[in-house]
Amino acid sequence: MTKYENKQLSKAVFVMEDCFFLNCALNDCDLFYSGGDVEWVNARFENCRWHFRGQALRTVQVMMQIGMLKPGQIPLTPPAGSSVN
């Protein structure tokens, strides 16, 4: 796992399961998530594009089918300062 600490990251591509973000700001990035463990603490995601694959994609598809998400809507990113494990 790659640790990014106190970084301003722009126009980059990340596989979320391979990264740990600590006190970082990501801007205009492509974020790929497959449903595995993800960690970030005090991270901001601005104008980033989330790409769901595998288990995560199937979960989003089920949520759309049962009306929890609307087509084109993506799940909200937790507030800055929160951590996800």
N, C-alpha and C. Protein backbone atom coordinates (compact mmCIF):
# COMPACT_ATOMS: atom_id res chain seq x y z
N MET A 1 0.85 -1.17 0.00
CA MET A 1 0.00 0.00 0.00
C MET A 1 0.90 1.24 0.00
N THR A 2 0.57 2.20 -0.86
CA THR A 2 1.33 3.44 -0.93
C THR A 2 0.69 4.48 -0.02
N LYS A 3 1.51 5.11 0.82
CA LYS A 3 1.03 6.15 1.73
C LYS A 3 1.34 7.51 1.13
N TYR A 4 0.30 8.34 1.04
CA TYR A 4 0.43 9.72 0.59
C TYR A 4 0.12 10.61 1.79
N GLU A 5 1.06 11.44 2.19
CA GLU A 5 0.86 12.27 3.38
C GLU A 5 1.16 13.73 3.05
N ASN A 6 0.23 14.61 3.47
CA ASN A 6 0.39 16.06 3.28
C ASN A 6 0.68 16.41 1.82
N LYS A 7 -0.10 15.84 0.92
CA LYS A 7 0.10 16.05 -0.52
C LYS A 7 -1.09 16.75 -1.14
N GLN A 8 -0.81 17.54 -2.17
CA GLN A 8 -1.82 18.08 -3.07
C GLN A 8 -1.66 17.29 -4.36
N LEU A 9 -2.63 16.45 -4.67
CA LEU A 9 -2.53 15.56 -5.82
C LEU A 9 -3.53 15.99 -6.88
N SER A 10 -3.06 16.16 -8.11
CA SER A 10 -3.90 16.66 -9.19
C SER A 10 -3.74 15.82 -10.43
N LYS A 11 -4.86 15.62 -11.13
CA LYS A 11 -4.86 14.93 -12.43
C LYS A 11 -4.10 13.62 -12.38
N ALA A 12 -4.37 12.82 -11.34
CA ALA A 12 -3.70 11.54 -11.18
C ALA A 12 -4.74 10.42 -11.19
N VAL A 13 -4.26 9.20 -11.29
CA VAL A 13 -5.12 8.01 -11.29
C VAL A 13 -4.71 7.15 -10.10
N PHE A 14 -5.70 6.70 -9.32
CA PHE A 14 -5.42 5.88 -8.14
C PHE A 14 -6.34 4.68 -8.09
N VAL A 15 -5.80 3.54 -7.71
CA VAL A 15 -6.59 2.38 -7.33
C VAL A 15 -6.73 2.49 -5.82
N MET A 16 -7.93 2.74 -5.35
CA MET A 16 -8.14 3.12 -3.96
C MET A 16 -7.66 2.07 -2.96
N GLU A 17 -7.78 0.79 -3.29
CA GLU A 17 -7.33 -0.25 -2.37
C GLU A 17 -5.82 -0.26 -2.20
N ASP A 18 -5.09 0.39 -3.09
CA ASP A 18 -3.63 0.40 -3.03
C ASP A 18 -3.08 1.64 -2.35
N CYS A 19 -3.95 2.52 -1.83
CA CYS A 19 -3.50 3.82 -1.33
C CYS A 19 -4.01 4.10 0.07
N PHE A 20 -3.22 4.87 0.82
CA PHE A 20 -3.63 5.44 2.09
C PHE A 20 -3.34 6.93 2.01
N PHE A 21 -4.38 7.75 2.15
CA PHE A 21 -4.25 9.20 2.06
C PHE A 21 -4.37 9.80 3.45
N LEU A 22 -3.36 10.56 3.87
CA LEU A 22 -3.36 11.21 5.17
C LEU A 22 -3.11 12.70 4.96
N ASN A 23 -4.08 13.51 5.31
CA ASN A 23 -3.98 14.98 5.16
C ASN A 23 -3.67 15.37 3.71
N CYS A 24 -4.46 14.85 2.79
CA CYS A 24 -4.24 15.09 1.37
C CYS A 24 -5.46 15.75 0.73
N ALA A 25 -5.21 16.44 -0.37
CA ALA A 25 -6.27 16.98 -1.20
C ALA A 25 -6.07 16.43 -2.61
N LEU A 26 -7.11 15.79 -3.13
CA LEU A 26 -7.06 15.25 -4.48
C LEU A 26 -7.99 16.09 -5.34
N ASN A 27 -7.49 16.54 -6.48
CA ASN A 27 -8.26 17.39 -7.36
C ASN A 27 -8.18 16.85 -8.79
N ASP A 28 -9.36 16.68 -9.41
CA ASP A 28 -9.44 16.26 -10.81
C ASP A 28 -8.74 14.92 -11.04
N CYS A 29 -8.98 13.97 -10.13
CA CYS A 29 -8.35 12.66 -10.22
C CYS A 29 -9.37 11.60 -10.63
N ASP A 30 -8.87 10.48 -11.14
CA ASP A 30 -9.69 9.32 -11.41
C ASP A 30 -9.42 8.29 -10.33
N LEU A 31 -10.48 7.88 -9.63
CA LEU A 31 -10.37 6.99 -8.48
C LEU A 31 -11.09 5.68 -8.79
N PHE A 32 -10.35 4.59 -8.83
CA PHE A 32 -10.90 3.28 -9.14
C PHE A 32 -11.09 2.50 -7.85
N TYR A 33 -12.31 1.97 -7.65
CA TYR A 33 -12.63 1.25 -6.42
C TYR A 33 -13.33 -0.06 -6.78
N SER A 34 -12.80 -1.17 -6.24
CA SER A 34 -13.33 -2.50 -6.55
C SER A 34 -14.04 -3.16 -5.39
N GLY A 35 -14.13 -2.51 -4.24
CA GLY A 35 -14.87 -3.08 -3.12
C GLY A 35 -14.01 -3.55 -1.97
N GLY A 36 -12.69 -3.37 -2.06
CA GLY A 36 -11.80 -3.80 -0.98
C GLY A 36 -11.66 -2.73 0.10
N ASP A 37 -10.75 -2.97 1.03
CA ASP A 37 -10.50 -2.02 2.10
C ASP A 37 -9.86 -0.75 1.56
N VAL A 38 -10.31 0.38 2.08
CA VAL A 38 -9.81 1.70 1.68
C VAL A 38 -9.55 2.50 2.94
N GLU A 39 -8.48 3.28 2.94
CA GLU A 39 -8.18 4.11 4.10
C GLU A 39 -7.83 5.52 3.67
N TRP A 40 -8.46 6.48 4.37
CA TRP A 40 -8.03 7.87 4.27
C TRP A 40 -8.40 8.59 5.55
N VAL A 41 -7.59 9.57 5.92
CA VAL A 41 -7.84 10.38 7.10
C VAL A 41 -7.60 11.83 6.69
N ASN A 42 -8.59 12.66 6.94
CA ASN A 42 -8.49 14.08 6.62
C ASN A 42 -8.10 14.29 5.16
N ALA A 43 -8.87 13.70 4.27
CA ALA A 43 -8.62 13.83 2.83
C ALA A 43 -9.81 14.53 2.18
N ARG A 44 -9.51 15.34 1.16
CA ARG A 44 -10.55 16.02 0.38
C ARG A 44 -10.47 15.52 -1.05
N PHE A 45 -11.66 15.29 -1.64
CA PHE A 45 -11.77 14.84 -3.02
C PHE A 45 -12.58 15.90 -3.75
N GLU A 46 -11.94 16.63 -4.67
CA GLU A 46 -12.61 17.71 -5.39
C GLU A 46 -12.57 17.43 -6.88
N ASN A 47 -13.74 17.44 -7.49
CA ASN A 47 -13.86 17.22 -8.94
C ASN A 47 -13.21 15.91 -9.38
N CYS A 48 -13.29 14.90 -8.52
CA CYS A 48 -12.73 13.58 -8.86
C CYS A 48 -13.82 12.71 -9.47
N ARG A 49 -13.39 11.78 -10.29
CA ARG A 49 -14.29 10.85 -10.94
C ARG A 49 -14.09 9.47 -10.31
N TRP A 50 -15.17 8.93 -9.77
CA TRP A 50 -15.14 7.60 -9.17
C TRP A 50 -15.51 6.57 -10.22
N HIS A 51 -14.72 5.51 -10.32
CA HIS A 51 -14.96 4.41 -11.24
C HIS A 51 -15.11 3.14 -10.41
N PHE A 52 -16.29 2.57 -10.41
CA PHE A 52 -16.56 1.38 -9.61
C PHE A 52 -16.37 0.14 -10.47
N ARG A 53 -15.67 -0.85 -9.93
CA ARG A 53 -15.41 -2.10 -10.65
C ARG A 53 -15.74 -3.28 -9.75
N GLY A 54 -15.92 -4.44 -10.33
CA GLY A 54 -16.11 -5.67 -9.57
C GLY A 54 -17.24 -5.59 -8.57
N GLN A 55 -16.95 -5.98 -7.31
CA GLN A 55 -17.96 -6.01 -6.26
C GLN A 55 -18.58 -4.63 -6.03
N ALA A 56 -17.77 -3.60 -6.08
CA ALA A 56 -18.29 -2.25 -5.86
C ALA A 56 -19.28 -1.87 -6.96
N LEU A 57 -18.97 -2.20 -8.20
CA LEU A 57 -19.87 -1.90 -9.32
C LEU A 57 -21.19 -2.65 -9.14
N ARG A 58 -21.11 -3.93 -8.78
CA ARG A 58 -22.34 -4.71 -8.59
C ARG A 58 -23.18 -4.14 -7.45
N THR A 59 -22.55 -3.66 -6.40
CA THR A 59 -23.29 -3.03 -5.29
C THR A 59 -23.99 -1.78 -5.76
N VAL A 60 -23.31 -0.94 -6.52
CA VAL A 60 -23.92 0.29 -7.06
C VAL A 60 -25.09 -0.08 -7.98
N GLN A 61 -24.92 -1.11 -8.80
CA GLN A 61 -26.00 -1.52 -9.71
C GLN A 61 -27.23 -2.00 -8.94
N VAL A 62 -27.02 -2.77 -7.87
CA VAL A 62 -28.15 -3.23 -7.06
C VAL A 62 -28.83 -2.03 -6.40
N MET A 63 -28.04 -1.10 -5.87
CA MET A 63 -28.61 0.08 -5.23
C MET A 63 -29.45 0.89 -6.22
N MET A 64 -29.05 0.92 -7.48
CA MET A 64 -29.84 1.61 -8.50
C MET A 64 -31.12 0.84 -8.78
N GLN A 65 -31.04 -0.49 -8.87
CA GLN A 65 -32.21 -1.30 -9.17
C GLN A 65 -33.27 -1.20 -8.08
N ILE A 66 -32.88 -1.03 -6.84
CA ILE A 66 -33.87 -0.96 -5.76
C ILE A 66 -34.21 0.47 -5.38
N GLY A 67 -33.67 1.44 -6.14
CA GLY A 67 -34.06 2.83 -5.95
C GLY A 67 -33.26 3.61 -4.92
N MET A 68 -32.20 3.03 -4.38
CA MET A 68 -31.38 3.77 -3.41
C MET A 68 -30.50 4.82 -4.08
N LEU A 69 -30.15 4.60 -5.34
CA LEU A 69 -29.39 5.55 -6.16
C LEU A 69 -30.14 5.74 -7.46
N LYS A 70 -30.02 6.93 -7.99
CA LYS A 70 -30.59 7.21 -9.30
C LYS A 70 -29.48 7.08 -10.35
N PRO A 71 -29.82 6.73 -11.60
CA PRO A 71 -28.79 6.64 -12.64
C PRO A 71 -27.99 7.94 -12.70
N GLY A 72 -26.68 7.79 -12.74
CA GLY A 72 -25.80 8.95 -12.80
C GLY A 72 -25.40 9.48 -11.43
N GLN A 73 -26.09 9.05 -10.39
CA GLN A 73 -25.77 9.50 -9.04
C GLN A 73 -24.71 8.56 -8.46
N ILE A 74 -23.71 9.14 -7.81
CA ILE A 74 -22.71 8.30 -7.15
C ILE A 74 -22.83 8.50 -5.64
N PRO A 75 -22.41 7.51 -4.87
CA PRO A 75 -22.47 7.66 -3.41
C PRO A 75 -21.64 8.85 -2.97
N LEU A 76 -22.07 9.49 -1.91
CA LEU A 76 -21.36 10.64 -1.38
C LEU A 76 -20.07 10.21 -0.72
N THR A 77 -19.04 11.03 -0.87
CA THR A 77 -17.78 10.82 -0.18
C THR A 77 -17.96 11.26 1.26
N PRO A 78 -17.44 10.51 2.22
CA PRO A 78 -17.54 10.94 3.61
C PRO A 78 -16.91 12.32 3.79
N PRO A 79 -17.35 13.09 4.78
CA PRO A 79 -16.82 14.41 5.00
C PRO A 79 -15.32 14.41 5.25
N ALA A 80 -14.67 15.51 4.91
CA ALA A 80 -13.23 15.64 5.16
C ALA A 80 -12.97 15.40 6.64
N GLY A 81 -11.89 14.73 6.93
CA GLY A 81 -11.53 14.45 8.32
C GLY A 81 -12.02 13.12 8.80
N SER A 82 -12.93 12.49 8.06
CA SER A 82 -13.41 11.18 8.48
C SER A 82 -12.43 10.11 7.99
N SER A 83 -12.52 8.96 8.58
CA SER A 83 -11.66 7.86 8.12
C SER A 83 -12.54 6.69 7.69
N VAL A 84 -12.05 5.95 6.73
CA VAL A 84 -12.75 4.79 6.21
C VAL A 84 -11.82 3.60 6.35
N ASN A 85 -12.30 2.51 6.91
CA ASN A 85 -11.47 1.31 7.03
C ASN A 85 -12.16 0.14 6.41
